[in-house]
């Protein structure tokens, strides 16, 4: 079975290698602002910063829903686990030099134009 290939970052491999760490930081809560502001010329870092922004918004929505008794607690618990899984996937993708959209929320990140 053939292995799925990852799209080549538009910034090139030098951009990817130089900005892996800063892109990974972008998935940790409000720290999405670091690659968004510090690496403005890096398409790789900007891509992951936008994904981190959407993940941050998603986590805020999950937190807001989780304060609703009973149903909100269940949805909040599942949403919290999903947030953690997406955070790990984003960090792994960034450190691996891949520009793959996160499942469920990745398509929303592409709509941001900074």
PDB file of N, CA and C in Angstrom:
ATOM      1  N   UNK A   1       0.843  -1.167   0.000  1.00  0.00           N
ATOM      2  CA  UNK A   1       0.000   0.000   0.000  1.00  0.00           C
ATOM      3  C   UNK A   1       0.890   1.231   0.000  1.00  0.00           C
ATOM      4  N   UNK A   2       0.596   2.189  -0.842  1.00  0.00           N
ATOM      5  CA  UNK A   2       1.412   3.397  -0.969  1.00  0.00           C
ATOM      6  C   UNK A   2       1.163   4.334   0.204  1.00  0.00           C
ATOM      7  N   UNK A   3       2.231   4.963   0.652  1.00  0.00           N
ATOM      8  CA  UNK A   3       2.122   5.918   1.755  1.00  0.00           C
ATOM      9  C   UNK A   3       1.643   7.256   1.221  1.00  0.00           C
ATOM     10  N   UNK A   4       0.748   7.877   1.957  1.00  0.00           N
ATOM     11  CA  UNK A   4       0.192   9.172   1.536  1.00  0.00           C
ATOM     12  C   UNK A   4       1.263  10.244   1.620  1.00  0.00           C
ATOM     13  N   UNK A   5       1.373  11.045   0.574  1.00  0.00           N
ATOM     14  CA  UNK A   5       2.367  12.108   0.571  1.00  0.00           C
ATOM     15  C   UNK A   5       1.775  13.374   1.157  1.00  0.00           C
ATOM     16  N   UNK A   6       2.631  14.139   1.793  1.00  0.00           N
ATOM     17  CA  UNK A   6       2.226  15.391   2.415  1.00  0.00           C
ATOM     18  C   UNK A   6       2.496  16.527   1.458  1.00  0.00           C
ATOM     19  N   UNK A   7       1.577  17.499   1.377  1.00  0.00           N
ATOM     20  CA  UNK A   7       1.827  18.629   0.487  1.00  0.00           C
ATOM     21  C   UNK A   7       3.084  19.389   0.891  1.00  0.00           C
ATOM     22  N   UNK A   8       3.807  19.836  -0.099  1.00  0.00           N
ATOM     23  CA  UNK A   8       5.028  20.592   0.154  1.00  0.00           C
ATOM     24  C   UNK A   8       4.646  22.003   0.597  1.00  0.00           C
ATOM     25  N   UNK A   9       5.216  22.494   1.701  1.00  0.00           N
ATOM     26  CA  UNK A   9       4.907  23.840   2.141  1.00  0.00           C
ATOM     27  C   UNK A   9       5.279  24.854   1.073  1.00  0.00           C
ATOM     28  N   UNK A  10       4.428  25.868   0.917  1.00  0.00           N
ATOM     29  CA  UNK A  10       4.683  26.867  -0.108  1.00  0.00           C
ATOM     30  C   UNK A  10       5.895  27.731   0.216  1.00  0.00           C
ATOM     31  N   UNK A  11       6.335  27.731   1.451  1.00  0.00           N
ATOM     32  CA  UNK A  11       7.489  28.526   1.836  1.00  0.00           C
ATOM     33  C   UNK A  11       8.807  27.841   1.545  1.00  0.00           C
ATOM     34  N   UNK A  12       8.777  26.588   1.170  1.00  0.00           N
ATOM     35  CA  UNK A  12       9.999  25.851   0.884  1.00  0.00           C
ATOM     36  C   UNK A  12      10.524  25.147   2.117  1.00  0.00           C
ATOM     37  N   UNK A  13      11.479  24.250   1.915  1.00  0.00           N
ATOM     38  CA  UNK A  13      11.988  23.455   3.031  1.00  0.00           C
ATOM     39  C   UNK A  13      12.821  24.271   4.009  1.00  0.00           C
ATOM     40  N   UNK A  14      13.507  25.309   3.544  1.00  0.00           N
ATOM     41  CA  UNK A  14      14.279  26.142   4.460  1.00  0.00           C
ATOM     42  C   UNK A  14      13.350  26.839   5.446  1.00  0.00           C
ATOM     43  N   UNK A  15      12.249  27.359   4.947  1.00  0.00           N
ATOM     44  CA  UNK A  15      11.246  27.988   5.805  1.00  0.00           C
ATOM     45  C   UNK A  15      10.714  26.991   6.825  1.00  0.00           C
ATOM     46  N   UNK A  16      10.421  25.790   6.362  1.00  0.00           N
ATOM     47  CA  UNK A  16       9.881  24.755   7.238  1.00  0.00           C
ATOM     48  C   UNK A  16      10.870  24.396   8.334  1.00  0.00           C
ATOM     49  N   UNK A  17      12.105  24.140   7.969  1.00  0.00           N
ATOM     50  CA  UNK A  17      13.121  23.753   8.953  1.00  0.00           C
ATOM     51  C   UNK A  17      13.372  24.854   9.984  1.00  0.00           C
ATOM     52  N   UNK A  18      13.370  26.093   9.559  1.00  0.00           N
ATOM     53  CA  UNK A  18      13.642  27.202  10.468  1.00  0.00           C
ATOM     54  C   UNK A  18      12.489  27.497  11.407  1.00  0.00           C
ATOM     55  N   UNK A  19      11.271  27.123  11.029  1.00  0.00           N
ATOM     56  CA  UNK A  19      10.099  27.551  11.797  1.00  0.00           C
ATOM     57  C   UNK A  19       9.282  26.419  12.398  1.00  0.00           C
ATOM     58  N   UNK A  20       9.836  25.216  12.475  1.00  0.00           N
ATOM     59  CA  UNK A  20       9.102  24.092  13.055  1.00  0.00           C
ATOM     60  C   UNK A  20       8.724  24.349  14.512  1.00  0.00           C
ATOM     61  N   UNK A  21       9.675  24.788  15.305  1.00  0.00           N
ATOM     62  CA  UNK A  21       9.418  24.977  16.738  1.00  0.00           C
ATOM     63  C   UNK A  21       8.408  26.087  16.988  1.00  0.00           C
ATOM     64  N   UNK A  22       8.566  27.194  16.287  1.00  0.00           N
ATOM     65  CA  UNK A  22       7.647  28.311  16.498  1.00  0.00           C
ATOM     66  C   UNK A  22       6.243  27.955  16.009  1.00  0.00           C
ATOM     67  N   UNK A  23       6.152  27.142  14.965  1.00  0.00           N
ATOM     68  CA  UNK A  23       4.849  26.692  14.472  1.00  0.00           C
ATOM     69  C   UNK A  23       4.180  25.774  15.495  1.00  0.00           C
ATOM     70  N   UNK A  24       4.952  24.911  16.130  1.00  0.00           N
ATOM     71  CA  UNK A  24       4.404  23.995  17.136  1.00  0.00           C
ATOM     72  C   UNK A  24       3.892  24.759  18.351  1.00  0.00           C
ATOM     73  N   UNK A  25       4.575  25.811  18.733  1.00  0.00           N
ATOM     74  CA  UNK A  25       4.139  26.630  19.867  1.00  0.00           C
ATOM     75  C   UNK A  25       2.759  27.223  19.602  1.00  0.00           C
ATOM     76  N   UNK A  26       2.460  27.479  18.345  1.00  0.00           N
ATOM     77  CA  UNK A  26       1.199  28.096  17.976  1.00  0.00           C
ATOM     78  C   UNK A  26      -0.041  27.303  18.331  1.00  0.00           C
ATOM     79  N   UNK A  27       0.104  26.056  18.701  1.00  0.00           N
ATOM     80  CA  UNK A  27      -1.052  25.239  19.053  1.00  0.00           C
ATOM     81  C   UNK A  27      -1.380  25.293  20.546  1.00  0.00           C
ATOM     82  N   UNK A  28      -0.549  25.932  21.334  1.00  0.00           N
ATOM     83  CA  UNK A  28      -0.726  25.927  22.778  1.00  0.00           C
ATOM     84  C   UNK A  28      -1.477  27.187  23.214  1.00  0.00           C
ATOM     85  N   UNK A  29      -2.780  27.110  23.206  1.00  0.00           N
ATOM     86  CA  UNK A  29      -3.635  28.195  23.676  1.00  0.00           C
ATOM     87  C   UNK A  29      -3.392  29.516  22.967  1.00  0.00           C
ATOM     88  N   UNK A  30      -3.316  30.582  23.738  1.00  0.00           N
ATOM     89  CA  UNK A  30      -3.159  31.933  23.196  1.00  0.00           C
ATOM     90  C   UNK A  30      -1.783  32.136  22.558  1.00  0.00           C
ATOM     91  N   UNK A  31      -0.899  31.187  22.720  1.00  0.00           N
ATOM     92  CA  UNK A  31       0.434  31.300  22.138  1.00  0.00           C
ATOM     93  C   UNK A  31       0.420  31.235  20.616  1.00  0.00           C
ATOM     94  N   UNK A  32      -0.754  31.054  20.010  1.00  0.00           N
ATOM     95  CA  UNK A  32      -0.849  31.126  18.549  1.00  0.00           C
ATOM     96  C   UNK A  32      -0.411  32.506  18.067  1.00  0.00           C
ATOM     97  N   UNK A  33      -0.447  33.488  18.954  1.00  0.00           N
ATOM     98  CA  UNK A  33      -0.031  34.850  18.598  1.00  0.00           C
ATOM     99  C   UNK A  33       1.469  34.939  18.311  1.00  0.00           C
ATOM    100  N   UNK A  34       2.269  34.079  18.909  1.00  0.00           N
ATOM    101  CA  UNK A  34       3.724  34.140  18.715  1.00  0.00           C
ATOM    102  C   UNK A  34       4.096  33.900  17.253  1.00  0.00           C
ATOM    103  N   UNK A  35       3.722  32.775  16.645  1.00  0.00           N
ATOM    104  CA  UNK A  35       4.072  32.626  15.226  1.00  0.00           C
ATOM    105  C   UNK A  35       3.314  33.599  14.332  1.00  0.00           C
ATOM    106  N   UNK A  36       2.116  33.966  14.740  1.00  0.00           N
ATOM    107  CA  UNK A  36       1.323  34.890  13.940  1.00  0.00           C
ATOM    108  C   UNK A  36       2.004  36.245  13.820  1.00  0.00           C
ATOM    109  N   UNK A  37       2.635  36.704  14.906  1.00  0.00           N
ATOM    110  CA  UNK A  37       3.276  38.020  14.905  1.00  0.00           C
ATOM    111  C   UNK A  37       4.781  37.968  14.668  1.00  0.00           C
ATOM    112  N   UNK A  38       5.443  36.911  15.146  1.00  0.00           N
ATOM    113  CA  UNK A  38       6.905  36.857  15.065  1.00  0.00           C
ATOM    114  C   UNK A  38       7.420  36.291  13.738  1.00  0.00           C
ATOM    115  N   UNK A  39       6.604  35.520  13.049  1.00  0.00           N
ATOM    116  CA  UNK A  39       7.064  34.900  11.803  1.00  0.00           C
ATOM    117  C   UNK A  39       6.112  35.265  10.660  1.00  0.00           C
ATOM    118  N   UNK A  40       5.925  36.541  10.461  1.00  0.00           N
ATOM    119  CA  UNK A  40       4.982  37.016   9.441  1.00  0.00           C
ATOM    120  C   UNK A  40       5.376  36.623   8.026  1.00  0.00           C
ATOM    121  N   UNK A  41       6.657  36.425   7.778  1.00  0.00           N
ATOM    122  CA  UNK A  41       7.133  36.095   6.432  1.00  0.00           C
ATOM    123  C   UNK A  41       7.237  34.596   6.174  1.00  0.00           C
ATOM    124  N   UNK A  42       6.790  33.799   7.125  1.00  0.00           N
ATOM    125  CA  UNK A  42       6.881  32.349   6.991  1.00  0.00           C
ATOM    126  C   UNK A  42       5.502  31.754   6.699  1.00  0.00           C
ATOM    127  N   UNK A  43       5.282  31.293   5.482  1.00  0.00           N
ATOM    128  CA  UNK A  43       3.994  30.653   5.182  1.00  0.00           C
ATOM    129  C   UNK A  43       3.737  29.426   6.061  1.00  0.00           C
ATOM    130  N   UNK A  44       4.791  28.703   6.404  1.00  0.00           N
ATOM    131  CA  UNK A  44       4.661  27.515   7.249  1.00  0.00           C
ATOM    132  C   UNK A  44       4.174  27.891   8.643  1.00  0.00           C
ATOM    133  N   UNK A  45       4.807  28.867   9.262  1.00  0.00           N
ATOM    134  CA  UNK A  45       4.415  29.299  10.607  1.00  0.00           C
ATOM    135  C   UNK A  45       3.029  29.937  10.599  1.00  0.00           C
ATOM    136  N   UNK A  46       2.722  30.702   9.569  1.00  0.00           N
ATOM    137  CA  UNK A  46       1.410  31.334   9.476  1.00  0.00           C
ATOM    138  C   UNK A  46       0.302  30.291   9.344  1.00  0.00           C
ATOM    139  N   UNK A  47       0.563  29.256   8.563  1.00  0.00           N
ATOM    140  CA  UNK A  47      -0.414  28.177   8.399  1.00  0.00           C
ATOM    141  C   UNK A  47      -0.752  27.555   9.757  1.00  0.00           C
ATOM    142  N   UNK A  48       0.272  27.229  10.527  1.00  0.00           N
ATOM    143  CA  UNK A  48       0.058  26.592  11.826  1.00  0.00           C
ATOM    144  C   UNK A  48      -0.493  27.583  12.848  1.00  0.00           C
ATOM    145  N   UNK A  49      -0.156  28.854  12.744  1.00  0.00           N
ATOM    146  CA  UNK A  49      -0.719  29.858  13.647  1.00  0.00           C
ATOM    147  C   UNK A  49      -2.227  29.977  13.423  1.00  0.00           C
ATOM    148  N   UNK A  50      -2.654  29.937  12.181  1.00  0.00           N
ATOM    149  CA  UNK A  50      -4.087  30.003  11.874  1.00  0.00           C
ATOM    150  C   UNK A  50      -4.812  28.763  12.388  1.00  0.00           C
ATOM    151  N   UNK A  51      -4.181  27.612  12.246  1.00  0.00           N
ATOM    152  CA  UNK A  51      -4.771  26.386  12.796  1.00  0.00           C
ATOM    153  C   UNK A  51      -4.861  26.488  14.324  1.00  0.00           C
ATOM    154  N   UNK A  52      -3.814  27.044  14.945  1.00  0.00           N
ATOM    155  CA  UNK A  52      -3.822  27.232  16.391  1.00  0.00           C
ATOM    156  C   UNK A  52      -4.898  28.207  16.839  1.00  0.00           C
ATOM    157  N   UNK A  53      -5.131  29.247  16.046  1.00  0.00           N
ATOM    158  CA  UNK A  53      -6.190  30.216  16.347  1.00  0.00           C
ATOM    159  C   UNK A  53      -7.551  29.530  16.342  1.00  0.00           C
ATOM    160  N   UNK A  54      -7.826  28.726  15.334  1.00  0.00           N
ATOM    161  CA  UNK A  54      -9.107  28.027  15.251  1.00  0.00           C
ATOM    162  C   UNK A  54      -9.244  27.031  16.403  1.00  0.00           C
ATOM    163  N   UNK A  55      -8.166  26.359  16.749  1.00  0.00           N
ATOM    164  CA  UNK A  55      -8.196  25.430  17.883  1.00  0.00           C
ATOM    165  C   UNK A  55      -8.467  26.181  19.181  1.00  0.00           C
ATOM    166  N   UNK A  56      -7.890  27.357  19.336  1.00  0.00           N
ATOM    167  CA  UNK A  56      -8.113  28.176  20.521  1.00  0.00           C
ATOM    168  C   UNK A  56      -9.583  28.601  20.610  1.00  0.00           C
ATOM    169  N   UNK A  57     -10.161  29.039  19.500  1.00  0.00           N
ATOM    170  CA  UNK A  57     -11.576  29.424  19.469  1.00  0.00           C
ATOM    171  C   UNK A  57     -12.453  28.221  19.800  1.00  0.00           C
ATOM    172  N   UNK A  58     -12.110  27.073  19.237  1.00  0.00           N
ATOM    173  CA  UNK A  58     -12.849  25.844  19.521  1.00  0.00           C
ATOM    174  C   UNK A  58     -12.800  25.512  21.012  1.00  0.00           C
ATOM    175  N   UNK A  59     -11.636  25.659  21.633  1.00  0.00           N
ATOM    176  CA  UNK A  59     -11.514  25.341  23.063  1.00  0.00           C
ATOM    177  C   UNK A  59     -12.315  26.311  23.925  1.00  0.00           C
ATOM    178  N   UNK A  60     -12.414  27.565  23.510  1.00  0.00           N
ATOM    179  CA  UNK A  60     -13.237  28.533  24.247  1.00  0.00           C
ATOM    180  C   UNK A  60     -14.715  28.148  24.151  1.00  0.00           C
ATOM    181  N   UNK A  61     -15.156  27.747  22.970  1.00  0.00           N
ATOM    182  CA  UNK A  61     -16.551  27.319  22.790  1.00  0.00           C
ATOM    183  C   UNK A  61     -16.839  26.084  23.635  1.00  0.00           C
ATOM    184  N   UNK A  62     -15.916  25.136  23.637  1.00  0.00           N
ATOM    185  CA  UNK A  62     -16.090  23.923  24.445  1.00  0.00           C
ATOM    186  C   UNK A  62     -16.173  24.294  25.927  1.00  0.00           C
ATOM    187  N   UNK A  63     -15.335  25.216  26.370  1.00  0.00           N
ATOM    188  CA  UNK A  63     -15.364  25.645  27.772  1.00  0.00           C
ATOM    189  C   UNK A  63     -16.685  26.309  28.115  1.00  0.00           C
ATOM    190  N   UNK A  64     -17.202  27.129  27.229  1.00  0.00           N
ATOM    191  CA  UNK A  64     -18.472  27.808  27.470  1.00  0.00           C
ATOM    192  C   UNK A  64     -19.626  26.812  27.543  1.00  0.00           C
ATOM    193  N   UNK A  65     -19.614  25.832  26.662  1.00  0.00           N
ATOM    194  CA  UNK A  65     -20.684  24.827  26.660  1.00  0.00           C
ATOM    195  C   UNK A  65     -20.605  23.942  27.899  1.00  0.00           C
ATOM    196  N   UNK A  66     -19.415  23.700  28.395  1.00  0.00           N
ATOM    197  CA  UNK A  66     -19.249  22.768  29.512  1.00  0.00           C
ATOM    198  C   UNK A  66     -19.807  23.287  30.833  1.00  0.00           C
ATOM    199  N   UNK A  67     -20.177  24.549  30.935  1.00  0.00           N
ATOM    200  CA  UNK A  67     -20.761  25.060  32.178  1.00  0.00           C
ATOM    201  C   UNK A  67     -22.259  24.773  32.260  1.00  0.00           C
ATOM    202  N   UNK A  68     -22.851  24.337  31.163  1.00  0.00           N
ATOM    203  CA  UNK A  68     -24.270  23.982  31.160  1.00  0.00           C
ATOM    204  C   UNK A  68     -24.423  22.625  31.852  1.00  0.00           C
ATOM    205  N   UNK A  69     -25.310  22.540  32.834  1.00  0.00           N
ATOM    206  CA  UNK A  69     -25.456  21.276  33.571  1.00  0.00           C
ATOM    207  C   UNK A  69     -25.865  20.101  32.669  1.00  0.00           C
ATOM    208  N   UNK A  70     -25.399  18.947  33.046  1.00  0.00           N
ATOM    209  CA  UNK A  70     -25.702  17.642  32.460  1.00  0.00           C
ATOM    210  C   UNK A  70     -25.274  17.510  30.996  1.00  0.00           C
ATOM    211  N   UNK A  71     -26.078  17.945  30.050  1.00  0.00           N
ATOM    212  CA  UNK A  71     -25.743  17.792  28.641  1.00  0.00           C
ATOM    213  C   UNK A  71     -24.451  18.550  28.302  1.00  0.00           C
ATOM    214  N   UNK A  72     -24.319  19.748  28.836  1.00  0.00           N
ATOM    215  CA  UNK A  72     -23.112  20.541  28.604  1.00  0.00           C
ATOM    216  C   UNK A  72     -21.873  19.879  29.178  1.00  0.00           C
ATOM    217  N   UNK A  73     -22.038  19.230  30.309  1.00  0.00           N
ATOM    218  CA  UNK A  73     -20.896  18.540  30.912  1.00  0.00           C
ATOM    219  C   UNK A  73     -20.422  17.404  30.016  1.00  0.00           C
ATOM    220  N   UNK A  74     -21.369  16.666  29.460  1.00  0.00           N
ATOM    221  CA  UNK A  74     -21.001  15.554  28.572  1.00  0.00           C
ATOM    222  C   UNK A  74     -20.345  16.077  27.296  1.00  0.00           C
ATOM    223  N   UNK A  75     -20.977  17.089  26.685  1.00  0.00           N
ATOM    224  CA  UNK A  75     -20.419  17.677  25.465  1.00  0.00           C
ATOM    225  C   UNK A  75     -19.069  18.314  25.756  1.00  0.00           C
ATOM    226  N   UNK A  76     -18.951  18.977  26.904  1.00  0.00           N
ATOM    227  CA  UNK A  76     -17.689  19.608  27.293  1.00  0.00           C
ATOM    228  C   UNK A  76     -16.573  18.598  27.503  1.00  0.00           C
ATOM    229  N   UNK A  77     -16.917  17.464  28.099  1.00  0.00           N
ATOM    230  CA  UNK A  77     -15.909  16.412  28.316  1.00  0.00           C
ATOM    231  C   UNK A  77     -15.405  15.850  26.993  1.00  0.00           C
ATOM    232  N   UNK A  78     -16.337  15.550  26.100  1.00  0.00           N
ATOM    233  CA  UNK A  78     -15.953  15.024  24.787  1.00  0.00           C
ATOM    234  C   UNK A  78     -15.175  16.085  24.012  1.00  0.00           C
ATOM    235  N   UNK A  79     -15.638  17.325  24.076  1.00  0.00           N
ATOM    236  CA  UNK A  79     -14.946  18.425  23.397  1.00  0.00           C
ATOM    237  C   UNK A  79     -13.553  18.665  23.945  1.00  0.00           C
ATOM    238  N   UNK A  80     -13.389  18.508  25.254  1.00  0.00           N
ATOM    239  CA  UNK A  80     -12.074  18.665  25.858  1.00  0.00           C
ATOM    240  C   UNK A  80     -11.093  17.600  25.388  1.00  0.00           C
ATOM    241  N   UNK A  81     -11.571  16.380  25.305  1.00  0.00           N
ATOM    242  CA  UNK A  81     -10.730  15.286  24.805  1.00  0.00           C
ATOM    243  C   UNK A  81     -10.377  15.522  23.341  1.00  0.00           C
ATOM    244  N   UNK A  82     -11.367  15.953  22.552  1.00  0.00           N
ATOM    245  CA  UNK A  82     -11.132  16.242  21.139  1.00  0.00           C
ATOM    246  C   UNK A  82     -10.130  17.384  20.982  1.00  0.00           C
ATOM    247  N   UNK A  83     -10.239  18.406  21.823  1.00  0.00           N
ATOM    248  CA  UNK A  83      -9.296  19.521  21.780  1.00  0.00           C
ATOM    249  C   UNK A  83      -7.873  19.035  22.039  1.00  0.00           C
ATOM    250  N   UNK A  84      -7.710  18.183  23.034  1.00  0.00           N
ATOM    251  CA  UNK A  84      -6.385  17.642  23.356  1.00  0.00           C
ATOM    252  C   UNK A  84      -5.822  16.817  22.202  1.00  0.00           C
ATOM    253  N   UNK A  85      -6.674  16.006  21.591  1.00  0.00           N
ATOM    254  CA  UNK A  85      -6.234  15.192  20.451  1.00  0.00           C
ATOM    255  C   UNK A  85      -5.803  16.087  19.289  1.00  0.00           C
ATOM    256  N   UNK A  86      -6.600  17.112  18.983  1.00  0.00           N
ATOM    257  CA  UNK A  86      -6.259  18.023  17.889  1.00  0.00           C
ATOM    258  C   UNK A  86      -4.986  18.806  18.194  1.00  0.00           C
ATOM    259  N   UNK A  87      -4.798  19.188  19.453  1.00  0.00           N
ATOM    260  CA  UNK A  87      -3.575  19.894  19.856  1.00  0.00           C
ATOM    261  C   UNK A  87      -2.345  19.019  19.596  1.00  0.00           C
ATOM    262  N   UNK A  88      -2.422  17.776  19.991  1.00  0.00           N
ATOM    263  CA  UNK A  88      -1.300  16.851  19.789  1.00  0.00           C
ATOM    264  C   UNK A  88      -1.051  16.635  18.295  1.00  0.00           C
ATOM    265  N   UNK A  89      -2.115  16.452  17.537  1.00  0.00           N
ATOM    266  CA  UNK A  89      -1.963  16.256  16.089  1.00  0.00           C
ATOM    267  C   UNK A  89      -1.313  17.475  15.437  1.00  0.00           C
ATOM    268  N   UNK A  90      -1.724  18.678  15.851  1.00  0.00           N
ATOM    269  CA  UNK A  90      -1.150  19.897  15.293  1.00  0.00           C
ATOM    270  C   UNK A  90       0.323  20.030  15.599  1.00  0.00           C
ATOM    271  N   UNK A  91       0.697  19.753  16.836  1.00  0.00           N
ATOM    272  CA  UNK A  91       2.106  19.845  17.222  1.00  0.00           C
ATOM    273  C   UNK A  91       2.940  18.809  16.459  1.00  0.00           C
ATOM    274  N   UNK A  92       2.427  17.605  16.325  1.00  0.00           N
ATOM    275  CA  UNK A  92       3.146  16.556  15.589  1.00  0.00           C
ATOM    276  C   UNK A  92       3.313  16.961  14.128  1.00  0.00           C
ATOM    277  N   UNK A  93       2.256  17.501  13.526  1.00  0.00           N
ATOM    278  CA  UNK A  93       2.350  17.947  12.133  1.00  0.00           C
ATOM    279  C   UNK A  93       3.376  19.069  11.979  1.00  0.00           C
ATOM    280  N   UNK A  94       3.354  20.036  12.885  1.00  0.00           N
ATOM    281  CA  UNK A  94       4.288  21.156  12.793  1.00  0.00           C
ATOM    282  C   UNK A  94       5.730  20.687  12.956  1.00  0.00           C
ATOM    283  N   UNK A  95       5.982  19.856  13.944  1.00  0.00           N
ATOM    284  CA  UNK A  95       7.347  19.375  14.173  1.00  0.00           C
ATOM    285  C   UNK A  95       7.801  18.427  13.063  1.00  0.00           C
ATOM    286  N   UNK A  96       6.841  17.790  12.401  1.00  0.00           N
ATOM    287  CA  UNK A  96       7.164  16.908  11.287  1.00  0.00           C
ATOM    288  C   UNK A  96       7.304  17.641   9.962  1.00  0.00           C
ATOM    289  N   UNK A  97       7.098  18.943   9.975  1.00  0.00           N
ATOM    290  CA  UNK A  97       7.245  19.731   8.757  1.00  0.00           C
ATOM    291  C   UNK A  97       6.085  19.577   7.785  1.00  0.00           C
ATOM    292  N   UNK A  98       4.941  19.155   8.280  1.00  0.00           N
ATOM    293  CA  UNK A  98       3.784  18.917   7.420  1.00  0.00           C
ATOM    294  C   UNK A  98       2.774  20.054   7.543  1.00  0.00           C
ATOM    295  N   UNK A  99       2.127  20.352   6.431  1.00  0.00           N
ATOM    296  CA  UNK A  99       1.061  21.353   6.419  1.00  0.00           C
ATOM    297  C   UNK A  99      -0.252  20.641   6.109  1.00  0.00           C
ATOM    298  N   UNK A 100      -0.723  19.859   7.077  1.00  0.00           N
ATOM    299  CA  UNK A 100      -1.972  19.118   6.918  1.00  0.00           C
ATOM    300  C   UNK A 100      -3.029  19.772   7.791  1.00  0.00           C
ATOM    301  N   UNK A 101      -4.231  19.993   7.237  1.00  0.00           N
ATOM    302  CA  UNK A 101      -5.294  20.583   8.061  1.00  0.00           C
ATOM    303  C   UNK A 101      -5.744  19.607   9.142  1.00  0.00           C
ATOM    304  N   UNK A 102      -6.084  20.149  10.291  1.00  0.00           N
ATOM    305  CA  UNK A 102      -6.598  19.324  11.372  1.00  0.00           C
ATOM    306  C   UNK A 102      -7.997  18.831  11.018  1.00  0.00           C
ATOM    307  N   UNK A 103      -8.338  17.621  11.436  1.00  0.00           N
ATOM    308  CA  UNK A 103      -9.693  17.132  11.181  1.00  0.00           C
ATOM    309  C   UNK A 103     -10.727  18.035  11.863  1.00  0.00           C
ATOM    310  N   UNK A 104     -11.875  18.141  11.299  1.00  0.00           N
ATOM    311  CA  UNK A 104     -13.036  18.873  11.803  1.00  0.00           C
ATOM    312  C   UNK A 104     -12.865  20.384  11.705  1.00  0.00           C
ATOM    313  N   UNK A 105     -11.788  20.943  12.238  1.00  0.00           N
ATOM    314  CA  UNK A 105     -11.651  22.405  12.309  1.00  0.00           C
ATOM    315  C   UNK A 105     -10.665  22.987  11.310  1.00  0.00           C
ATOM    316  N   UNK A 106      -9.913  22.163  10.641  1.00  0.00           N
ATOM    317  CA  UNK A 106      -8.846  22.641   9.747  1.00  0.00           C
ATOM    318  C   UNK A 106      -9.330  23.498   8.608  1.00  0.00           C
ATOM    319  N   UNK A 107     -10.504  23.218   8.076  1.00  0.00           N
ATOM    320  CA  UNK A 107     -10.996  23.984   6.944  1.00  0.00           C
ATOM    321  C   UNK A 107     -11.333  25.422   7.322  1.00  0.00           C
ATOM    322  N   UNK A 108     -11.642  25.678   8.575  1.00  0.00           N
ATOM    323  CA  UNK A 108     -11.953  27.040   9.011  1.00  0.00           C
ATOM    324  C   UNK A 108     -10.698  27.920   9.025  1.00  0.00           C
ATOM    325  N   UNK A 109      -9.557  27.314   9.294  1.00  0.00           N
ATOM    326  CA  UNK A 109      -8.305  28.075   9.347  1.00  0.00           C
ATOM    327  C   UNK A 109      -7.938  28.659   8.004  1.00  0.00           C
ATOM    328  N   UNK A 110      -8.301  27.981   6.939  1.00  0.00           N
ATOM    329  CA  UNK A 110      -7.964  28.452   5.593  1.00  0.00           C
ATOM    330  C   UNK A 110      -8.734  29.711   5.216  1.00  0.00           C
ATOM    331  N   UNK A 111      -9.795  30.034   5.939  1.00  0.00           N
ATOM    332  CA  UNK A 111     -10.597  31.213   5.633  1.00  0.00           C
ATOM    333  C   UNK A 111      -9.995  32.495   6.183  1.00  0.00           C
ATOM    334  N   UNK A 112      -9.046  32.380   7.115  1.00  0.00           N
ATOM    335  CA  UNK A 112      -8.395  33.563   7.677  1.00  0.00           C
ATOM    336  C   UNK A 112      -7.355  34.106   6.717  1.00  0.00           C
ATOM    337  N   UNK A 113      -7.404  35.387   6.464  1.00  0.00           N
ATOM    338  CA  UNK A 113      -6.413  36.056   5.613  1.00  0.00           C
ATOM    339  C   UNK A 113      -5.742  37.141   6.427  1.00  0.00           C
ATOM    340  N   UNK A 114      -4.504  36.937   6.775  1.00  0.00           N
ATOM    341  CA  UNK A 114      -3.750  37.947   7.551  1.00  0.00           C
ATOM    342  C   UNK A 114      -2.700  38.580   6.681  1.00  0.00           C
TER     343      UNK A 114
END
